[in-house]
Amino acid sequence: MRISVVSGASRHPGLEHAAAPRAGRTHRQRAAAHHTQESLFAATGLSRSHLQRIESGEADPRYSDLLTIAQALGKDVSVLNS
């Protein structure tokens, strides 16, 4: 019997579709604000791994996380959550 290992997004059908667009928006907005992942996690208080998972589309962040990120970027949350 063969056992295969499945990535996180594949274990949750539809997750890659829900989180992927937000991941791209989060990364683009961070880059446009001249933040590195390190400077953004320092500014938000969110963990580095959580921010990395948000940007890669592996995590679907809570609305409060999006608000925190948007505030650190000087943006309205709608640019991350649309």
PDB file of N, CA and C in Angstrom:
ATOM      1  N   MET A   1       0.851  -1.178   0.000  1.00  0.00           N
ATOM      2  CA  MET A   1       0.000   0.000   0.000  1.00  0.00           C
ATOM      3  C   MET A   1       0.892   1.235   0.000  1.00  0.00           C
ATOM      4  N   ARG A   2       0.550   2.191  -0.814  1.00  0.00           N
ATOM      5  CA  ARG A   2       1.319   3.418  -0.939  1.00  0.00           C
ATOM      6  C   ARG A   2       0.573   4.576  -0.285  1.00  0.00           C
ATOM      7  N   ILE A   3       1.288   5.364   0.512  1.00  0.00           N
ATOM      8  CA  ILE A   3       0.689   6.521   1.171  1.00  0.00           C
ATOM      9  C   ILE A   3       1.327   7.759   0.580  1.00  0.00           C
ATOM     10  N   SER A   4       0.489   8.695   0.178  1.00  0.00           N
ATOM     11  CA  SER A   4       1.033   9.932  -0.381  1.00  0.00           C
ATOM     12  C   SER A   4       0.812  11.078   0.593  1.00  0.00           C
ATOM     13  N   VAL A   5       1.724  12.012   0.555  1.00  0.00           N
ATOM     14  CA  VAL A   5       1.625  13.200   1.390  1.00  0.00           C
ATOM     15  C   VAL A   5       1.017  14.303   0.547  1.00  0.00           C
ATOM     16  N   VAL A   6       0.037  14.967   1.119  1.00  0.00           N
ATOM     17  CA  VAL A   6      -0.691  16.005   0.392  1.00  0.00           C
ATOM     18  C   VAL A   6      -0.392  17.349   1.024  1.00  0.00           C
ATOM     19  N   SER A   7      -0.187  18.374   0.182  1.00  0.00           N
ATOM     20  CA  SER A   7       0.095  19.709   0.717  1.00  0.00           C
ATOM     21  C   SER A   7      -1.133  20.274   1.403  1.00  0.00           C
ATOM     22  N   GLY A   8      -0.921  21.299   2.244  1.00  0.00           N
ATOM     23  CA  GLY A   8      -1.988  21.909   3.036  1.00  0.00           C
ATOM     24  C   GLY A   8      -3.160  22.396   2.226  1.00  0.00           C
ATOM     25  N   ALA A   9      -2.917  23.100   1.127  1.00  0.00           N
ATOM     26  CA  ALA A   9      -4.013  23.651   0.341  1.00  0.00           C
ATOM     27  C   ALA A   9      -4.835  22.546  -0.299  1.00  0.00           C
ATOM     28  N   SER A  10      -4.186  21.435  -0.702  1.00  0.00           N
ATOM     29  CA  SER A  10      -4.903  20.349  -1.358  1.00  0.00           C
ATOM     30  C   SER A  10      -5.809  19.597  -0.401  1.00  0.00           C
ATOM     31  N   ARG A  11      -5.485  19.604   0.869  1.00  0.00           N
ATOM     32  CA  ARG A  11      -6.316  18.910   1.849  1.00  0.00           C
ATOM     33  C   ARG A  11      -7.644  19.609   2.060  1.00  0.00           C
ATOM     34  N   HIS A  12      -7.709  20.867   1.667  1.00  0.00           N
ATOM     35  CA  HIS A  12      -8.914  21.660   1.869  1.00  0.00           C
ATOM     36  C   HIS A  12      -9.398  22.166   0.520  1.00  0.00           C
ATOM     37  N   PRO A  13     -10.277  21.396  -0.133  1.00  0.00           N
ATOM     38  CA  PRO A  13     -10.735  21.798  -1.465  1.00  0.00           C
ATOM     39  C   PRO A  13     -11.262  23.224  -1.467  1.00  0.00           C
ATOM     40  N   GLY A  14     -10.825  23.991  -2.440  1.00  0.00           N
ATOM     41  CA  GLY A  14     -11.286  25.364  -2.583  1.00  0.00           C
ATOM     42  C   GLY A  14     -10.435  26.379  -1.858  1.00  0.00           C
ATOM     43  N   LEU A  15      -9.595  25.934  -0.928  1.00  0.00           N
ATOM     44  CA  LEU A  15      -8.775  26.880  -0.169  1.00  0.00           C
ATOM     45  C   LEU A  15      -7.845  27.654  -1.080  1.00  0.00           C
ATOM     46  N   GLU A  16      -7.230  26.948  -2.035  1.00  0.00           N
ATOM     47  CA  GLU A  16      -6.305  27.639  -2.914  1.00  0.00           C
ATOM     48  C   GLU A  16      -7.015  28.706  -3.735  1.00  0.00           C
ATOM     49  N   HIS A  17      -8.295  28.523  -4.015  1.00  0.00           N
ATOM     50  CA  HIS A  17      -9.047  29.517  -4.777  1.00  0.00           C
ATOM     51  C   HIS A  17      -9.417  30.712  -3.917  1.00  0.00           C
ATOM     52  N   ALA A  18      -9.716  30.490  -2.657  1.00  0.00           N
ATOM     53  CA  ALA A  18     -10.131  31.576  -1.769  1.00  0.00           C
ATOM     54  C   ALA A  18      -8.944  32.415  -1.319  1.00  0.00           C
ATOM     55  N   ALA A  19      -7.842  31.782  -0.984  1.00  0.00           N
ATOM     56  CA  ALA A  19      -6.716  32.494  -0.392  1.00  0.00           C
ATOM     57  C   ALA A  19      -5.751  33.054  -1.431  1.00  0.00           C
ATOM     58  N   ALA A  20      -5.667  32.461  -2.607  1.00  0.00           N
ATOM     59  CA  ALA A  20      -4.667  32.874  -3.597  1.00  0.00           C
ATOM     60  C   ALA A  20      -4.804  34.335  -4.029  1.00  0.00           C
ATOM     61  N   PRO A  21      -5.998  34.828  -4.376  1.00  0.00           N
ATOM     62  CA  PRO A  21      -6.084  36.241  -4.770  1.00  0.00           C
ATOM     63  C   PRO A  21      -5.690  37.187  -3.637  1.00  0.00           C
ATOM     64  N   ARG A  22      -6.087  36.877  -2.425  1.00  0.00           N
ATOM     65  CA  ARG A  22      -5.731  37.710  -1.280  1.00  0.00           C
ATOM     66  C   ARG A  22      -4.225  37.675  -1.067  1.00  0.00           C
ATOM     67  N   ALA A  23      -3.622  36.513  -1.277  1.00  0.00           N
ATOM     68  CA  ALA A  23      -2.170  36.384  -1.106  1.00  0.00           C
ATOM     69  C   ALA A  23      -1.446  37.345  -2.037  1.00  0.00           C
ATOM     70  N   GLY A  24      -1.859  37.388  -3.290  1.00  0.00           N
ATOM     71  CA  GLY A  24      -1.229  38.288  -4.252  1.00  0.00           C
ATOM     72  C   GLY A  24      -1.420  39.745  -3.885  1.00  0.00           C
ATOM     73  N   ARG A  25      -2.616  40.091  -3.441  1.00  0.00           N
ATOM     74  CA  ARG A  25      -2.881  41.485  -3.044  1.00  0.00           C
ATOM     75  C   ARG A  25      -2.042  41.874  -1.841  1.00  0.00           C
ATOM     76  N   THR A  26      -1.930  40.973  -0.874  1.00  0.00           N
ATOM     77  CA  THR A  26      -1.159  41.268   0.330  1.00  0.00           C
ATOM     78  C   THR A  26       0.310  41.487  -0.027  1.00  0.00           C
ATOM     79  N   HIS A  27       0.850  40.618  -0.848  1.00  0.00           N
ATOM     80  CA  HIS A  27       2.252  40.755  -1.249  1.00  0.00           C
ATOM     81  C   HIS A  27       2.481  42.051  -2.026  1.00  0.00           C
ATOM     82  N   ARG A  28       1.620  42.343  -2.985  1.00  0.00           N
ATOM     83  CA  ARG A  28       1.777  43.577  -3.796  1.00  0.00           C
ATOM     84  C   ARG A  28       1.673  44.828  -2.935  1.00  0.00           C
ATOM     85  N   GLN A  29       0.734  44.853  -2.011  1.00  0.00           N
ATOM     86  CA  GLN A  29       0.568  46.031  -1.155  1.00  0.00           C
ATOM     87  C   GLN A  29       1.768  46.189  -0.214  1.00  0.00           C
ATOM     88  N   ARG A  30       2.292  45.076   0.278  1.00  0.00           N
ATOM     89  CA  ARG A  30       3.477  45.147   1.144  1.00  0.00           C
ATOM     90  C   ARG A  30       4.664  45.697   0.359  1.00  0.00           C
ATOM     91  N   ALA A  31       4.866  45.186  -0.841  1.00  0.00           N
ATOM     92  CA  ALA A  31       5.989  45.643  -1.664  1.00  0.00           C
ATOM     93  C   ALA A  31       5.828  47.117  -2.038  1.00  0.00           C
ATOM     94  N   ALA A  32       4.611  47.528  -2.366  1.00  0.00           N
ATOM     95  CA  ALA A  32       4.360  48.923  -2.743  1.00  0.00           C
ATOM     96  C   ALA A  32       4.614  49.869  -1.574  1.00  0.00           C
ATOM     97  N   ALA A  33       4.421  49.380  -0.356  1.00  0.00           N
ATOM     98  CA  ALA A  33       4.653  50.194   0.839  1.00  0.00           C
ATOM     99  C   ALA A  33       6.114  50.106   1.304  1.00  0.00           C
ATOM    100  N   HIS A  34       6.946  49.432   0.506  1.00  0.00           N
ATOM    101  CA  HIS A  34       8.376  49.287   0.799  1.00  0.00           C
ATOM    102  C   HIS A  34       8.639  48.588   2.124  1.00  0.00           C
ATOM    103  N   HIS A  35       7.788  47.588   2.417  1.00  0.00           N
ATOM    104  CA  HIS A  35       7.979  46.759   3.607  1.00  0.00           C
ATOM    105  C   HIS A  35       8.561  45.421   3.181  1.00  0.00           C
ATOM    106  N   THR A  36       9.443  44.891   3.991  1.00  0.00           N
ATOM    107  CA  THR A  36       9.854  43.498   3.854  1.00  0.00           C
ATOM    108  C   THR A  36       8.920  42.684   4.731  1.00  0.00           C
ATOM    109  N   GLN A  37       8.969  41.359   4.594  1.00  0.00           N
ATOM    110  CA  GLN A  37       8.168  40.545   5.507  1.00  0.00           C
ATOM    111  C   GLN A  37       8.608  40.795   6.942  1.00  0.00           C
ATOM    112  N   GLU A  38       9.899  40.956   7.140  1.00  0.00           N
ATOM    113  CA  GLU A  38      10.413  41.184   8.493  1.00  0.00           C
ATOM    114  C   GLU A  38       9.892  42.495   9.079  1.00  0.00           C
ATOM    115  N   SER A  39       9.920  43.560   8.282  1.00  0.00           N
ATOM    116  CA  SER A  39       9.451  44.845   8.811  1.00  0.00           C
ATOM    117  C   SER A  39       7.943  44.830   9.035  1.00  0.00           C
ATOM    118  N   LEU A  40       7.212  44.090   8.204  1.00  0.00           N
ATOM    119  CA  LEU A  40       5.764  44.017   8.384  1.00  0.00           C
ATOM    120  C   LEU A  40       5.404  43.207   9.620  1.00  0.00           C
ATOM    121  N   PHE A  41       6.107  42.097   9.854  1.00  0.00           N
ATOM    122  CA  PHE A  41       5.762  41.344  11.064  1.00  0.00           C
ATOM    123  C   PHE A  41       6.136  42.144  12.304  1.00  0.00           C
ATOM    124  N   ALA A  42       7.189  42.945  12.229  1.00  0.00           N
ATOM    125  CA  ALA A  42       7.544  43.798  13.365  1.00  0.00           C
ATOM    126  C   ALA A  42       6.492  44.883  13.586  1.00  0.00           C
ATOM    127  N   ALA A  43       5.954  45.427  12.501  1.00  0.00           N
ATOM    128  CA  ALA A  43       4.960  46.504  12.601  1.00  0.00           C
ATOM    129  C   ALA A  43       3.584  46.001  13.036  1.00  0.00           C
ATOM    130  N   THR A  44       3.275  44.739  12.720  1.00  0.00           N
ATOM    131  CA  THR A  44       1.935  44.220  13.011  1.00  0.00           C
ATOM    132  C   THR A  44       1.858  43.418  14.302  1.00  0.00           C
ATOM    133  N   GLY A  45       2.966  42.828  14.707  1.00  0.00           N
ATOM    134  CA  GLY A  45       2.932  41.930  15.855  1.00  0.00           C
ATOM    135  C   GLY A  45       2.482  40.531  15.491  1.00  0.00           C
ATOM    136  N   LEU A  46       2.171  40.304  14.208  1.00  0.00           N
ATOM    137  CA  LEU A  46       1.815  38.959  13.748  1.00  0.00           C
ATOM    138  C   LEU A  46       3.102  38.171  13.556  1.00  0.00           C
ATOM    139  N   SER A  47       3.035  36.877  13.671  1.00  0.00           N
ATOM    140  CA  SER A  47       4.248  36.077  13.520  1.00  0.00           C
ATOM    141  C   SER A  47       4.705  36.060  12.061  1.00  0.00           C
ATOM    142  N   ARG A  48       5.993  35.888  11.899  1.00  0.00           N
ATOM    143  CA  ARG A  48       6.571  35.818  10.557  1.00  0.00           C
ATOM    144  C   ARG A  48       5.958  34.658   9.777  1.00  0.00           C
ATOM    145  N   SER A  49       5.812  33.515  10.421  1.00  0.00           N
ATOM    146  CA  SER A  49       5.271  32.348   9.714  1.00  0.00           C
ATOM    147  C   SER A  49       3.824  32.587   9.285  1.00  0.00           C
ATOM    148  N   HIS A  50       3.038  33.283  10.110  1.00  0.00           N
ATOM    149  CA  HIS A  50       1.651  33.565   9.748  1.00  0.00           C
ATOM    150  C   HIS A  50       1.599  34.501   8.537  1.00  0.00           C
ATOM    151  N   LEU A  51       2.428  35.540   8.542  1.00  0.00           N
ATOM    152  CA  LEU A  51       2.467  36.440   7.386  1.00  0.00           C
ATOM    153  C   LEU A  51       2.929  35.710   6.130  1.00  0.00           C
ATOM    154  N   GLN A  52       3.894  34.828   6.259  1.00  0.00           N
ATOM    155  CA  GLN A  52       4.359  34.055   5.104  1.00  0.00           C
ATOM    156  C   GLN A  52       3.250  33.170   4.562  1.00  0.00           C
ATOM    157  N   ARG A  53       2.480  32.543   5.459  1.00  0.00           N
ATOM    158  CA  ARG A  53       1.378  31.688   5.015  1.00  0.00           C
ATOM    159  C   ARG A  53       0.271  32.503   4.356  1.00  0.00           C
ATOM    160  N   ILE A  54       0.019  33.708   4.849  1.00  0.00           N
ATOM    161  CA  ILE A  54      -0.977  34.583   4.215  1.00  0.00           C
ATOM    162  C   ILE A  54      -0.525  34.945   2.811  1.00  0.00           C
ATOM    163  N   GLU A  55       0.738  35.354   2.672  1.00  0.00           N
ATOM    164  CA  GLU A  55       1.253  35.767   1.369  1.00  0.00           C
ATOM    165  C   GLU A  55       1.375  34.613   0.388  1.00  0.00           C
ATOM    166  N   SER A  56       1.555  33.404   0.870  1.00  0.00           N
ATOM    167  CA  SER A  56       1.676  32.260  -0.030  1.00  0.00           C
ATOM    168  C   SER A  56       0.318  31.648  -0.360  1.00  0.00           C
ATOM    169  N   GLY A  57      -0.728  32.110   0.314  1.00  0.00           N
ATOM    170  CA  GLY A  57      -2.059  31.562   0.078  1.00  0.00           C
ATOM    171  C   GLY A  57      -2.357  30.325   0.888  1.00  0.00           C
ATOM    172  N   GLU A  58      -1.463  29.947   1.798  1.00  0.00           N
ATOM    173  CA  GLU A  58      -1.675  28.767   2.628  1.00  0.00           C
ATOM    174  C   GLU A  58      -2.606  29.044   3.790  1.00  0.00           C
ATOM    175  N   ALA A  59      -2.760  30.325   4.154  1.00  0.00           N
ATOM    176  CA  ALA A  59      -3.631  30.680   5.281  1.00  0.00           C
ATOM    177  C   ALA A  59      -4.689  31.663   4.811  1.00  0.00           C
ATOM    178  N   ASP A  60      -5.865  31.519   5.338  1.00  0.00           N
ATOM    179  CA  ASP A  60      -6.942  32.465   5.094  1.00  0.00           C
ATOM    180  C   ASP A  60      -7.078  33.276   6.382  1.00  0.00           C
ATOM    181  N   PRO A  61      -6.546  34.489   6.395  1.00  0.00           N
ATOM    182  CA  PRO A  61      -6.450  35.241   7.647  1.00  0.00           C
ATOM    183  C   PRO A  61      -7.794  35.711   8.188  1.00  0.00           C
ATOM    184  N   ARG A  62      -7.828  35.915   9.491  1.00  0.00           N
ATOM    185  CA  ARG A  62      -9.003  36.516  10.116  1.00  0.00           C
ATOM    186  C   ARG A  62      -9.091  37.974   9.662  1.00  0.00           C
ATOM    187  N   TYR A  63     -10.286  38.512   9.733  1.00  0.00           N
ATOM    188  CA  TYR A  63     -10.495  39.909   9.354  1.00  0.00           C
ATOM    189  C   TYR A  63      -9.642  40.827  10.231  1.00  0.00           C
ATOM    190  N   SER A  64      -9.508  40.495  11.504  1.00  0.00           N
ATOM    191  CA  SER A  64      -8.702  41.328  12.396  1.00  0.00           C
ATOM    192  C   SER A  64      -7.231  41.344  11.963  1.00  0.00           C
ATOM    193  N   ASP A  65      -6.739  40.229  11.421  1.00  0.00           N
ATOM    194  CA  ASP A  65      -5.368  40.201  10.898  1.00  0.00           C
ATOM    195  C   ASP A  65      -5.240  41.116   9.692  1.00  0.00           C
ATOM    196  N   LEU A  66      -6.255  41.097   8.815  1.00  0.00           N
ATOM    197  CA  LEU A  66      -6.245  41.969   7.639  1.00  0.00           C
ATOM    198  C   LEU A  66      -6.270  43.434   8.050  1.00  0.00           C
ATOM    199  N   LEU A  67      -7.070  43.758   9.070  1.00  0.00           N
ATOM    200  CA  LEU A  67      -7.102  45.139   9.568  1.00  0.00           C
ATOM    201  C   LEU A  67      -5.731  45.568  10.088  1.00  0.00           C
ATOM    202  N   THR A  68      -5.090  44.698  10.832  1.00  0.00           N
ATOM    203  CA  THR A  68      -3.778  44.987  11.389  1.00  0.00           C
ATOM    204  C   THR A  68      -2.753  45.211  10.282  1.00  0.00           C
ATOM    205  N   ILE A  69      -2.777  44.349   9.269  1.00  0.00           N
ATOM    206  CA  ILE A  69      -1.845  44.475   8.140  1.00  0.00           C
ATOM    207  C   ILE A  69      -2.119  45.771   7.376  1.00  0.00           C
ATOM    208  N   ALA A  70      -3.387  46.036   7.105  1.00  0.00           N
ATOM    209  CA  ALA A  70      -3.755  47.248   6.367  1.00  0.00           C
ATOM    210  C   ALA A  70      -3.310  48.501   7.112  1.00  0.00           C
ATOM    211  N   GLN A  71      -3.508  48.536   8.422  1.00  0.00           N
ATOM    212  CA  GLN A  71      -3.080  49.700   9.208  1.00  0.00           C
ATOM    213  C   GLN A  71      -1.576  49.888   9.132  1.00  0.00           C
ATOM    214  N   ALA A  72      -0.820  48.799   9.216  1.00  0.00           N
ATOM    215  CA  ALA A  72       0.636  48.887   9.152  1.00  0.00           C
ATOM    216  C   ALA A  72       1.102  49.376   7.780  1.00  0.00           C
ATOM    217  N   LEU A  73       0.313  49.063   6.747  1.00  0.00           N
ATOM    218  CA  LEU A  73       0.665  49.475   5.388  1.00  0.00           C
ATOM    219  C   LEU A  73       0.132  50.871   5.051  1.00  0.00           C
ATOM    220  N   GLY A  74      -0.693  51.419   5.961  1.00  0.00           N
ATOM    221  CA  GLY A  74      -1.303  52.732   5.692  1.00  0.00           C
ATOM    222  C   GLY A  74      -2.374  52.660   4.617  1.00  0.00           C
ATOM    223  N   LYS A  75      -3.048  51.527   4.536  1.00  0.00           N
ATOM    224  CA  LYS A  75      -4.079  51.289   3.520  1.00  0.00           C
ATOM    225  C   LYS A  75      -5.411  50.990   4.178  1.00  0.00           C
ATOM    226  N   ASP A  76      -6.459  51.105   3.405  1.00  0.00           N
ATOM    227  CA  ASP A  76      -7.786  50.670   3.837  1.00  0.00           C
ATOM    228  C   ASP A  76      -7.840  49.152   3.686  1.00  0.00           C
ATOM    229  N   VAL A  77      -8.503  48.482   4.589  1.00  0.00           N
ATOM    230  CA  VAL A  77      -8.578  47.015   4.557  1.00  0.00           C
ATOM    231  C   VAL A  77      -9.199  46.512   3.254  1.00  0.00           C
ATOM    232  N   SER A  78      -9.997  47.322   2.577  1.00  0.00           N
ATOM    233  CA  SER A  78     -10.646  46.886   1.341  1.00  0.00           C
ATOM    234  C   SER A  78      -9.628  46.509   0.259  1.00  0.00           C
ATOM    235  N   VAL A  79      -8.409  47.087   0.286  1.00  0.00           N
ATOM    236  CA  VAL A  79      -7.420  46.736  -0.733  1.00  0.00           C
ATOM    237  C   VAL A  79      -6.890  45.323  -0.532  1.00  0.00           C
ATOM    238  N   LEU A  80      -7.039  44.774   0.669  1.00  0.00           N
ATOM    239  CA  LEU A  80      -6.615  43.410   0.950  1.00  0.00           C
ATOM    240  C   LEU A  80      -7.761  42.418   0.897  1.00  0.00           C
ATOM    241  N   ASN A  81      -8.966  42.901   1.107  1.00  0.00           N
ATOM    242  CA  ASN A  81     -10.097  41.997   1.289  1.00  0.00           C
ATOM    243  C   ASN A  81     -11.101  42.028   0.144  1.00  0.00           C
ATOM    244  N   SER A  82     -10.773  42.677  -0.950  1.00  0.00           N
ATOM    245  CA  SER A  82     -11.742  42.744  -2.057  1.00  0.00           C
ATOM    246  C   SER A  82     -11.683  41.530  -2.933  1.00  0.00           C
TER     247      SER A  82
END
